[in-house]
Amino acid sequence: MNGSLSEHKAGKRRFTLYLPPSYSPGSRAFPAVYVQDGSSLFQDQIELLESAFQQRRLPELVLIGIDPENRLNEYTPWPAASLSDRFPDFGGMGYHYLSDITNQFIPLIEENWNVTREPQSRGMIGASLGGLISMFALLKYPSVFGKIGSISGSYWYENAPETVHLSSLKPGTSRIFMSVGSDEGREKQSIQRNMLQNTKQVHQSLKEKGFTEEQLCLSIEKGAVHHRKYFCKQFIIALKWLYGKNRSTL
């Protein structure tokens, strides 16, 4: 690894910072990608990422892996009942979380590190519930985030597809990458069995809002289930599509 990976704290919030090989405080500013669930999506992917930088398939990026304080609360847009007795109910503090990230956390990053402040290069990406809240970041703050990665987003969540459908989101200059495994939810007895169907529904709603093929991508990975192994693979594909030179193709 030629870039650097380091742990930091901003207020109570912990985060992992990845700075690419060419990063320096005095160089040109780098696009920043805010990643849910800490560094879990990229800590094992640095070699692949830096190989893409080297081959010029991807511009060098700064990655900020934000640790959740409580993901079942912070990554859910409104309260909902738990799907299992083994877990607590979903807290539904997502809009509070997004407000904190947008109004407190991002300004702190932009003051202390050399990243661009242009919305079109500012990314938000996550997997599972992290993918759900990343999409809601665009619904809530469309002028702040220009690139959204929703990897296996939890669109089974109560009223999530309907909320996207009924939102007043306009395409503007934003770009959205969505992915889902063809076998996600297949074994579930709960509403999670609707994972694939609901993801397609959200994708269709965005198309109806005017998002073009250049602005919106849905990757359905054949045989993939809801597992971090597939999330990490799709993370690199998402970055290449959102930021890469040949970004209209996978």
C-alpha atoms as a PDB file:
ATOM      1  CA  MET A   1       0.000   0.000   0.000  1.00  0.00           C
ATOM      2  CA  ASN A   2       1.420   3.376  -1.035  1.00  0.00           C
ATOM      3  CA  GLY A   3      -1.408   5.405   0.447  1.00  0.00           C
ATOM      4  CA  SER A   4      -2.064   5.643   4.192  1.00  0.00           C
ATOM      5  CA  LEU A   5      -4.779   4.314   6.482  1.00  0.00           C
ATOM      6  CA  SER A   6      -5.272   5.956   9.890  1.00  0.00           C
ATOM      7  CA  GLU A   7      -7.815   6.130  12.723  1.00  0.00           C
ATOM      8  CA  HIS A   8      -9.283   9.448  13.881  1.00  0.00           C
ATOM      9  CA  LYS A   9     -11.974  10.936  16.070  1.00  0.00           C
ATOM     10  CA  ALA A  10     -14.230  13.944  15.455  1.00  0.00           C
ATOM     11  CA  GLY A  11     -16.197  14.734  18.596  1.00  0.00           C
ATOM     12  CA  LYS A  12     -17.601  11.346  19.623  1.00  0.00           C
ATOM     13  CA  ARG A  13     -17.476   9.974  16.104  1.00  0.00           C
ATOM     14  CA  ARG A  14     -14.656   7.669  15.071  1.00  0.00           C
ATOM     15  CA  PHE A  15     -13.560   7.286  11.461  1.00  0.00           C
ATOM     16  CA  THR A  16     -10.891   5.618   9.349  1.00  0.00           C
ATOM     17  CA  LEU A  17      -9.160   7.837   6.825  1.00  0.00           C
ATOM     18  CA  TYR A  18      -7.551   6.543   3.638  1.00  0.00           C
ATOM     19  CA  LEU A  19      -5.273   9.018   1.836  1.00  0.00           C
ATOM     20  CA  PRO A  20      -4.135   7.999  -1.674  1.00  0.00           C
ATOM     21  CA  PRO A  21      -0.465   7.766  -2.781  1.00  0.00           C
ATOM     22  CA  SER A  22      -0.218  11.281  -4.284  1.00  0.00           C
ATOM     23  CA  TYR A  23      -1.969  13.011  -1.403  1.00  0.00           C
ATOM     24  CA  SER A  24      -0.276  16.011   0.164  1.00  0.00           C
ATOM     25  CA  PRO A  25      -1.734  19.094   1.878  1.00  0.00           C
ATOM     26  CA  GLY A  26      -0.386  21.370  -0.853  1.00  0.00           C
ATOM     27  CA  SER A  27      -1.381  19.352  -3.934  1.00  0.00           C
ATOM     28  CA  ARG A  28      -4.615  19.583  -5.918  1.00  0.00           C
ATOM     29  CA  ALA A  29      -7.709  18.711  -3.885  1.00  0.00           C
ATOM     30  CA  PHE A  30      -8.994  15.121  -4.010  1.00  0.00           C
ATOM     31  CA  PRO A  31     -12.606  13.887  -4.263  1.00  0.00           C
ATOM     32  CA  ALA A  32     -13.878  12.604  -0.904  1.00  0.00           C
ATOM     33  CA  VAL A  33     -16.082   9.543  -0.494  1.00  0.00           C
ATOM     34  CA  TYR A  34     -17.926   9.155   2.814  1.00  0.00           C
ATOM     35  CA  VAL A  35     -18.347   5.441   3.538  1.00  0.00           C
ATOM     36  CA  GLN A  36     -20.774   3.833   6.010  1.00  0.00           C
ATOM     37  CA  ASP A  37     -19.704   1.135   8.506  1.00  0.00           C
ATOM     38  CA  GLY A  38     -16.167   2.384   9.021  1.00  0.00           C
ATOM     39  CA  SER A  39     -13.514   0.808   6.819  1.00  0.00           C
ATOM     40  CA  SER A  40     -15.280  -2.553   6.384  1.00  0.00           C
ATOM     41  CA  LEU A  41     -15.914  -1.992   2.654  1.00  0.00           C
ATOM     42  CA  PHE A  42     -12.408  -0.849   1.765  1.00  0.00           C
ATOM     43  CA  GLN A  43      -9.820  -2.075   4.288  1.00  0.00           C
ATOM     44  CA  ASP A  44      -9.196  -5.270   2.263  1.00  0.00           C
ATOM     45  CA  GLN A  45      -9.586  -3.537  -1.091  1.00  0.00           C
ATOM     46  CA  ILE A  46      -6.724  -1.009  -0.955  1.00  0.00           C
ATOM     47  CA  GLU A  47      -4.478  -3.018  -3.299  1.00  0.00           C
ATOM     48  CA  LEU A  48      -7.247  -3.235  -5.926  1.00  0.00           C
ATOM     49  CA  LEU A  49      -8.037   0.424  -5.459  1.00  0.00           C
ATOM     50  CA  GLU A  50      -4.428   1.541  -5.879  1.00  0.00           C
ATOM     51  CA  SER A  51      -4.038  -0.712  -8.902  1.00  0.00           C
ATOM     52  CA  ALA A  52      -7.012   1.121 -10.487  1.00  0.00           C
ATOM     53  CA  PHE A  53      -5.338   4.470  -9.637  1.00  0.00           C
ATOM     54  CA  GLN A  54      -2.088   3.296 -11.223  1.00  0.00           C
ATOM     55  CA  GLN A  55      -3.847   2.113 -14.385  1.00  0.00           C
ATOM     56  CA  ARG A  56      -5.693   5.451 -14.518  1.00  0.00           C
ATOM     57  CA  ARG A  57      -9.043   3.681 -14.437  1.00  0.00           C
ATOM     58  CA  LEU A  58      -9.925   5.696 -11.365  1.00  0.00           C
ATOM     59  CA  PRO A  59      -8.772   9.117 -10.096  1.00  0.00           C
ATOM     60  CA  GLU A  60      -7.141   9.052  -6.671  1.00  0.00           C
ATOM     61  CA  LEU A  61      -9.787   9.332  -3.947  1.00  0.00           C
ATOM     62  CA  VAL A  62      -9.849  10.108  -0.237  1.00  0.00           C
ATOM     63  CA  LEU A  63     -12.047   7.594   1.631  1.00  0.00           C
ATOM     64  CA  ILE A  64     -13.595   8.410   4.999  1.00  0.00           C
ATOM     65  CA  GLY A  65     -15.001   5.314   6.712  1.00  0.00           C
ATOM     66  CA  ILE A  66     -17.449   6.584   9.335  1.00  0.00           C
ATOM     67  CA  ASP A  67     -18.049   4.252  12.299  1.00  0.00           C
ATOM     68  CA  PRO A  68     -21.701   4.147  13.315  1.00  0.00           C
ATOM     69  CA  GLU A  69     -22.521   4.689  16.985  1.00  0.00           C
ATOM     70  CA  ASN A  70     -25.584   2.455  16.528  1.00  0.00           C
ATOM     71  CA  ARG A  71     -26.238   1.373  12.946  1.00  0.00           C
ATOM     72  CA  LEU A  72     -29.796   0.086  13.591  1.00  0.00           C
ATOM     73  CA  ASN A  73     -30.696   3.625  14.708  1.00  0.00           C
ATOM     74  CA  GLU A  74     -28.507   5.765  12.469  1.00  0.00           C
ATOM     75  CA  TYR A  75     -29.001   3.921   9.183  1.00  0.00           C
ATOM     76  CA  THR A  76     -32.814   3.749   9.367  1.00  0.00           C
ATOM     77  CA  PRO A  77     -34.897   6.756   8.233  1.00  0.00           C
ATOM     78  CA  TRP A  78     -37.836   6.149  10.610  1.00  0.00           C
ATOM     79  CA  PRO A  79     -38.632   3.640  13.385  1.00  0.00           C
ATOM     80  CA  ALA A  80     -39.769   0.118  12.478  1.00  0.00           C
ATOM     81  CA  ALA A  81     -40.282  -3.159  14.307  1.00  0.00           C
ATOM     82  CA  SER A  82     -37.406  -5.626  14.469  1.00  0.00           C
ATOM     83  CA  LEU A  83     -37.521  -8.586  12.096  1.00  0.00           C
ATOM     84  CA  SER A  84     -36.365 -10.960  14.822  1.00  0.00           C
ATOM     85  CA  ASP A  85     -36.656 -11.365  18.587  1.00  0.00           C
ATOM     86  CA  ARG A  86     -32.856 -11.497  18.677  1.00  0.00           C
ATOM     87  CA  PHE A  87     -32.507  -7.847  17.688  1.00  0.00           C
ATOM     88  CA  PRO A  88     -33.919  -4.576  19.041  1.00  0.00           C
ATOM     89  CA  ASP A  89     -36.339  -2.482  16.974  1.00  0.00           C
ATOM     90  CA  PHE A  90     -34.962  -0.114  14.347  1.00  0.00           C
ATOM     91  CA  GLY A  91     -34.521   3.322  15.933  1.00  0.00           C
ATOM     92  CA  GLY A  92     -35.196   5.479  12.877  1.00  0.00           C
ATOM     93  CA  MET A  93     -32.659   8.236  13.669  1.00  0.00           C
ATOM     94  CA  GLY A  94     -31.373   8.369  10.084  1.00  0.00           C
ATOM     95  CA  TYR A  95     -32.290  11.971   9.343  1.00  0.00           C
ATOM     96  CA  HIS A  96     -30.597  13.114  12.560  1.00  0.00           C
ATOM     97  CA  TYR A  97     -27.514  11.114  11.546  1.00  0.00           C
ATOM     98  CA  LEU A  98     -27.476  12.619   8.033  1.00  0.00           C
ATOM     99  CA  SER A  99     -27.842  16.107   9.482  1.00  0.00           C
ATOM    100  CA  ASP A 100     -24.862  15.485  11.787  1.00  0.00           C
ATOM    101  CA  ILE A 101     -22.722  14.117   8.929  1.00  0.00           C
ATOM    102  CA  THR A 102     -23.696  16.929   6.548  1.00  0.00           C
ATOM    103  CA  ASN A 103     -23.573  19.893   8.913  1.00  0.00           C
ATOM    104  CA  GLN A 104     -20.866  18.904  11.400  1.00  0.00           C
ATOM    105  CA  PHE A 105     -18.703  16.055  10.160  1.00  0.00           C
ATOM    106  CA  ILE A 106     -18.138  16.941   6.492  1.00  0.00           C
ATOM    107  CA  PRO A 107     -17.169  20.590   7.210  1.00  0.00           C
ATOM    108  CA  LEU A 108     -14.613  19.297   9.727  1.00  0.00           C
ATOM    109  CA  ILE A 109     -13.100  16.922   7.142  1.00  0.00           C
ATOM    110  CA  GLU A 110     -13.013  19.672   4.518  1.00  0.00           C
ATOM    111  CA  GLU A 111     -11.286  22.082   6.902  1.00  0.00           C
ATOM    112  CA  ASN A 112      -8.604  19.612   7.943  1.00  0.00           C
ATOM    113  CA  TRP A 113      -7.834  17.622   4.801  1.00  0.00           C
ATOM    114  CA  ASN A 114      -7.213  18.532   1.205  1.00  0.00           C
ATOM    115  CA  VAL A 115     -10.476  17.412  -0.388  1.00  0.00           C
ATOM    116  CA  THR A 116     -12.666  19.163  -2.927  1.00  0.00           C
ATOM    117  CA  ARG A 117     -15.774  20.973  -1.751  1.00  0.00           C
ATOM    118  CA  GLU A 118     -17.642  20.535  -5.019  1.00  0.00           C
ATOM    119  CA  PRO A 119     -20.899  18.617  -4.529  1.00  0.00           C
ATOM    120  CA  GLN A 120     -20.508  16.745  -7.836  1.00  0.00           C
ATOM    121  CA  SER A 121     -17.354  15.016  -6.565  1.00  0.00           C
ATOM    122  CA  ARG A 122     -18.579  14.428  -2.988  1.00  0.00           C
ATOM    123  CA  GLY A 123     -19.668  10.813  -2.572  1.00  0.00           C
ATOM    124  CA  MET A 124     -21.718   8.846  -0.033  1.00  0.00           C
ATOM    125  CA  ILE A 125     -21.656   5.064  -0.189  1.00  0.00           C
ATOM    126  CA  GLY A 126     -22.652   2.108   1.968  1.00  0.00           C
ATOM    127  CA  ALA A 127     -23.940  -1.450   1.970  1.00  0.00           C
ATOM    128  CA  SER A 128     -27.110  -3.020   3.367  1.00  0.00           C
ATOM    129  CA  LEU A 129     -28.677  -0.501   5.808  1.00  0.00           C
ATOM    130  CA  GLY A 130     -25.658   1.681   4.962  1.00  0.00           C
ATOM    131  CA  GLY A 131     -26.767   1.535   1.317  1.00  0.00           C
ATOM    132  CA  LEU A 132     -30.286   2.547   2.318  1.00  0.00           C
ATOM    133  CA  ILE A 133     -29.180   5.603   4.292  1.00  0.00           C
ATOM    134  CA  SER A 134     -26.779   6.599   1.479  1.00  0.00           C
ATOM    135  CA  MET A 135     -29.754   6.833  -0.888  1.00  0.00           C
ATOM    136  CA  PHE A 136     -31.678   8.822   1.708  1.00  0.00           C
ATOM    137  CA  ALA A 137     -28.701  11.211   1.909  1.00  0.00           C
ATOM    138  CA  LEU A 138     -29.484  12.169  -1.690  1.00  0.00           C
ATOM    139  CA  LEU A 139     -33.222  12.516  -0.977  1.00  0.00           C
ATOM    140  CA  LYS A 140     -32.532  14.755   2.023  1.00  0.00           C
ATOM    141  CA  TYR A 141     -29.483  16.696   0.761  1.00  0.00           C
ATOM    142  CA  PRO A 142     -29.521  16.593  -3.057  1.00  0.00           C
ATOM    143  CA  SER A 143     -27.307  19.689  -3.332  1.00  0.00           C
ATOM    144  CA  VAL A 144     -24.608  18.219  -1.043  1.00  0.00           C
ATOM    145  CA  PHE A 145     -23.909  14.782  -2.560  1.00  0.00           C
ATOM    146  CA  GLY A 146     -23.206  14.269  -6.253  1.00  0.00           C
ATOM    147  CA  LYS A 147     -22.316  10.580  -6.189  1.00  0.00           C
ATOM    148  CA  ILE A 148     -24.246   7.892  -4.336  1.00  0.00           C
ATOM    149  CA  GLY A 149     -23.360   4.220  -3.955  1.00  0.00           C
ATOM    150  CA  SER A 150     -26.167   2.013  -2.641  1.00  0.00           C
ATOM    151  CA  ILE A 151     -24.752  -1.520  -2.415  1.00  0.00           C
ATOM    152  CA  SER A 152     -27.375  -4.137  -1.571  1.00  0.00           C
ATOM    153  CA  GLY A 153     -29.406  -1.283  -0.070  1.00  0.00           C
ATOM    154  CA  SER A 154     -32.051  -2.501   2.399  1.00  0.00           C
ATOM    155  CA  TYR A 155     -35.064  -1.553   0.290  1.00  0.00           C
ATOM    156  CA  TRP A 156     -37.073  -4.234   2.063  1.00  0.00           C
ATOM    157  CA  TYR A 157     -37.294  -1.637   4.847  1.00  0.00           C
ATOM    158  CA  GLU A 158     -40.897  -0.645   5.584  1.00  0.00           C
ATOM    159  CA  ASN A 159     -42.091   2.089   3.157  1.00  0.00           C
ATOM    160  CA  ALA A 160     -38.594   2.662   1.688  1.00  0.00           C
ATOM    161  CA  PRO A 161     -39.463   2.061  -2.016  1.00  0.00           C
ATOM    162  CA  GLU A 162     -42.664   4.136  -1.690  1.00  0.00           C
ATOM    163  CA  THR A 163     -40.732   7.022  -0.108  1.00  0.00           C
ATOM    164  CA  VAL A 164     -38.221   7.104  -2.964  1.00  0.00           C
ATOM    165  CA  HIS A 165     -41.093   6.911  -5.464  1.00  0.00           C
ATOM    166  CA  LEU A 166     -43.030   9.780  -3.839  1.00  0.00           C
ATOM    167  CA  SER A 167     -39.978  12.013  -3.295  1.00  0.00           C
ATOM    168  CA  SER A 168     -39.461  15.164  -5.336  1.00  0.00           C
ATOM    169  CA  LEU A 169     -35.886  14.156  -6.237  1.00  0.00           C
ATOM    170  CA  LYS A 170     -34.703  15.525  -9.587  1.00  0.00           C
ATOM    171  CA  PRO A 171     -31.725  14.114 -11.510  1.00  0.00           C
ATOM    172  CA  GLY A 172     -29.647  17.316 -11.632  1.00  0.00           C
ATOM    173  CA  THR A 173     -25.980  16.339 -11.961  1.00  0.00           C
ATOM    174  CA  SER A 174     -26.044  13.496  -9.430  1.00  0.00           C
ATOM    175  CA  ARG A 175     -25.081   9.924 -10.288  1.00  0.00           C
ATOM    176  CA  ILE A 176     -26.312   6.802  -8.507  1.00  0.00           C
ATOM    177  CA  PHE A 177     -24.854   3.298  -8.474  1.00  0.00           C
ATOM    178  CA  MET A 178     -27.102   0.526  -7.129  1.00  0.00           C
ATOM    179  CA  SER A 179     -26.296  -3.157  -6.772  1.00  0.00           C
ATOM    180  CA  VAL A 180     -28.011  -6.280  -5.499  1.00  0.00           C
ATOM    181  CA  GLY A 181     -27.322 -10.012  -5.624  1.00  0.00           C
ATOM    182  CA  SER A 182     -29.723 -12.165  -7.638  1.00  0.00           C
ATOM    183  CA  ASP A 183     -30.099 -14.528  -4.651  1.00  0.00           C
ATOM    184  CA  GLU A 184     -30.494 -11.921  -1.900  1.00  0.00           C
ATOM    185  CA  GLY A 185     -33.388 -12.628   0.435  1.00  0.00           C
ATOM    186  CA  ARG A 186     -34.234 -15.901  -1.282  1.00  0.00           C
ATOM    187  CA  GLU A 187     -34.013 -17.920   1.943  1.00  0.00           C
ATOM    188  CA  LYS A 188     -35.777 -15.328   4.111  1.00  0.00           C
ATOM    189  CA  GLN A 189     -39.282 -15.682   5.486  1.00  0.00           C
ATOM    190  CA  SER A 190     -39.483 -11.998   6.514  1.00  0.00           C
ATOM    191  CA  ILE A 191     -39.986  -8.918   4.316  1.00  0.00           C
ATOM    192  CA  GLN A 192     -36.294  -9.253   3.427  1.00  0.00           C
ATOM    193  CA  ARG A 193     -37.337 -11.815   0.799  1.00  0.00           C
ATOM    194  CA  ASN A 194     -38.431  -8.775  -1.301  1.00  0.00           C
ATOM    195  CA  MET A 195     -34.859  -7.489  -1.530  1.00  0.00           C
ATOM    196  CA  LEU A 196     -34.345  -7.989  -5.284  1.00  0.00           C
ATOM    197  CA  GLN A 197     -37.847  -6.944  -6.297  1.00  0.00           C
ATOM    198  CA  ASN A 198     -37.784  -3.787  -4.128  1.00  0.00           C
ATOM    199  CA  THR A 199     -34.345  -2.760  -5.424  1.00  0.00           C
ATOM    200  CA  LYS A 200     -35.644  -3.047  -9.001  1.00  0.00           C
ATOM    201  CA  GLN A 201     -38.679  -0.986  -7.955  1.00  0.00           C
ATOM    202  CA  VAL A 202     -36.470   1.820  -6.569  1.00  0.00           C
ATOM    203  CA  HIS A 203     -34.358   1.742  -9.740  1.00  0.00           C
ATOM    204  CA  GLN A 204     -37.516   2.032 -11.870  1.00  0.00           C
ATOM    205  CA  SER A 205     -38.779   4.968  -9.772  1.00  0.00           C
ATOM    206  CA  LEU A 206     -35.486   6.813 -10.323  1.00  0.00           C
ATOM    207  CA  LYS A 207     -35.666   6.166 -14.065  1.00  0.00           C
ATOM    208  CA  GLU A 208     -39.178   7.617 -14.062  1.00  0.00           C
ATOM    209  CA  LYS A 209     -37.813  10.719 -12.328  1.00  0.00           C
ATOM    210  CA  GLY A 210     -35.554  11.279 -15.333  1.00  0.00           C
ATOM    211  CA  PHE A 211     -32.267   9.645 -14.321  1.00  0.00           C
ATOM    212  CA  THR A 212     -30.547   8.507 -17.509  1.00  0.00           C
ATOM    213  CA  GLU A 213     -28.268   5.489 -18.068  1.00  0.00           C
ATOM    214  CA  GLU A 214     -25.305   7.841 -17.678  1.00  0.00           C
ATOM    215  CA  GLN A 215     -26.613   8.894 -14.251  1.00  0.00           C
ATOM    216  CA  LEU A 216     -28.039   5.648 -12.897  1.00  0.00           C
ATOM    217  CA  CYS A 217     -26.678   2.109 -12.841  1.00  0.00           C
ATOM    218  CA  LEU A 218     -28.163  -1.082 -11.418  1.00  0.00           C
ATOM    219  CA  SER A 219     -25.753  -4.011 -11.148  1.00  0.00           C
ATOM    220  CA  ILE A 220     -27.414  -7.377 -10.424  1.00  0.00           C
ATOM    221  CA  GLU A 221     -24.726  -9.874  -9.485  1.00  0.00           C
ATOM    222  CA  LYS A 222     -25.736 -13.380 -10.490  1.00  0.00           C
ATOM    223  CA  GLY A 223     -25.654 -15.885  -7.623  1.00  0.00           C
ATOM    224  CA  ALA A 224     -24.657 -13.276  -5.013  1.00  0.00           C
ATOM    225  CA  VAL A 225     -26.224 -13.303  -1.555  1.00  0.00           C
ATOM    226  CA  HIS A 226     -26.326 -10.609   1.147  1.00  0.00           C
ATOM    227  CA  HIS A 227     -22.740 -10.913   2.346  1.00  0.00           C
ATOM    228  CA  ARG A 228     -19.755  -8.605   2.901  1.00  0.00           C
ATOM    229  CA  LYS A 229     -17.674 -10.551   0.346  1.00  0.00           C
ATOM    230  CA  TYR A 230     -20.030  -9.349  -2.404  1.00  0.00           C
ATOM    231  CA  PHE A 231     -20.413  -5.867  -0.904  1.00  0.00           C
ATOM    232  CA  CYS A 232     -16.634  -5.305  -1.078  1.00  0.00           C
ATOM    233  CA  LYS A 233     -16.496  -6.456  -4.712  1.00  0.00           C
ATOM    234  CA  GLN A 234     -19.364  -4.124  -5.640  1.00  0.00           C
ATOM    235  CA  PHE A 235     -17.697  -1.250  -3.729  1.00  0.00           C
ATOM    236  CA  ILE A 236     -14.801  -1.166  -6.216  1.00  0.00           C
ATOM    237  CA  ILE A 237     -17.205  -1.533  -9.172  1.00  0.00           C
ATOM    238  CA  ALA A 238     -19.285   1.343  -7.753  1.00  0.00           C
ATOM    239  CA  LEU A 239     -16.269   3.659  -7.437  1.00  0.00           C
ATOM    240  CA  LYS A 240     -15.140   2.852 -10.980  1.00  0.00           C
ATOM    241  CA  TRP A 241     -18.615   3.577 -12.350  1.00  0.00           C
ATOM    242  CA  LEU A 242     -19.113   6.759 -10.320  1.00  0.00           C
ATOM    243  CA  TYR A 243     -15.639   8.252 -10.676  1.00  0.00           C
ATOM    244  CA  GLY A 244     -13.782   6.348 -13.401  1.00  0.00           C
ATOM    245  CA  LYS A 245     -13.022   7.503 -16.927  1.00  0.00           C
ATOM    246  CA  ASN A 246     -14.983   4.698 -18.602  1.00  0.00           C
ATOM    247  CA  ARG A 247     -17.713   5.197 -16.057  1.00  0.00           C
ATOM    248  CA  SER A 248     -20.734   4.481 -18.252  1.00  0.00           C
ATOM    249  CA  THR A 249     -19.787   0.801 -18.448  1.00  0.00           C
ATOM    250  CA  LEU A 250     -19.020  -1.882 -15.910  1.00  0.00           C
END
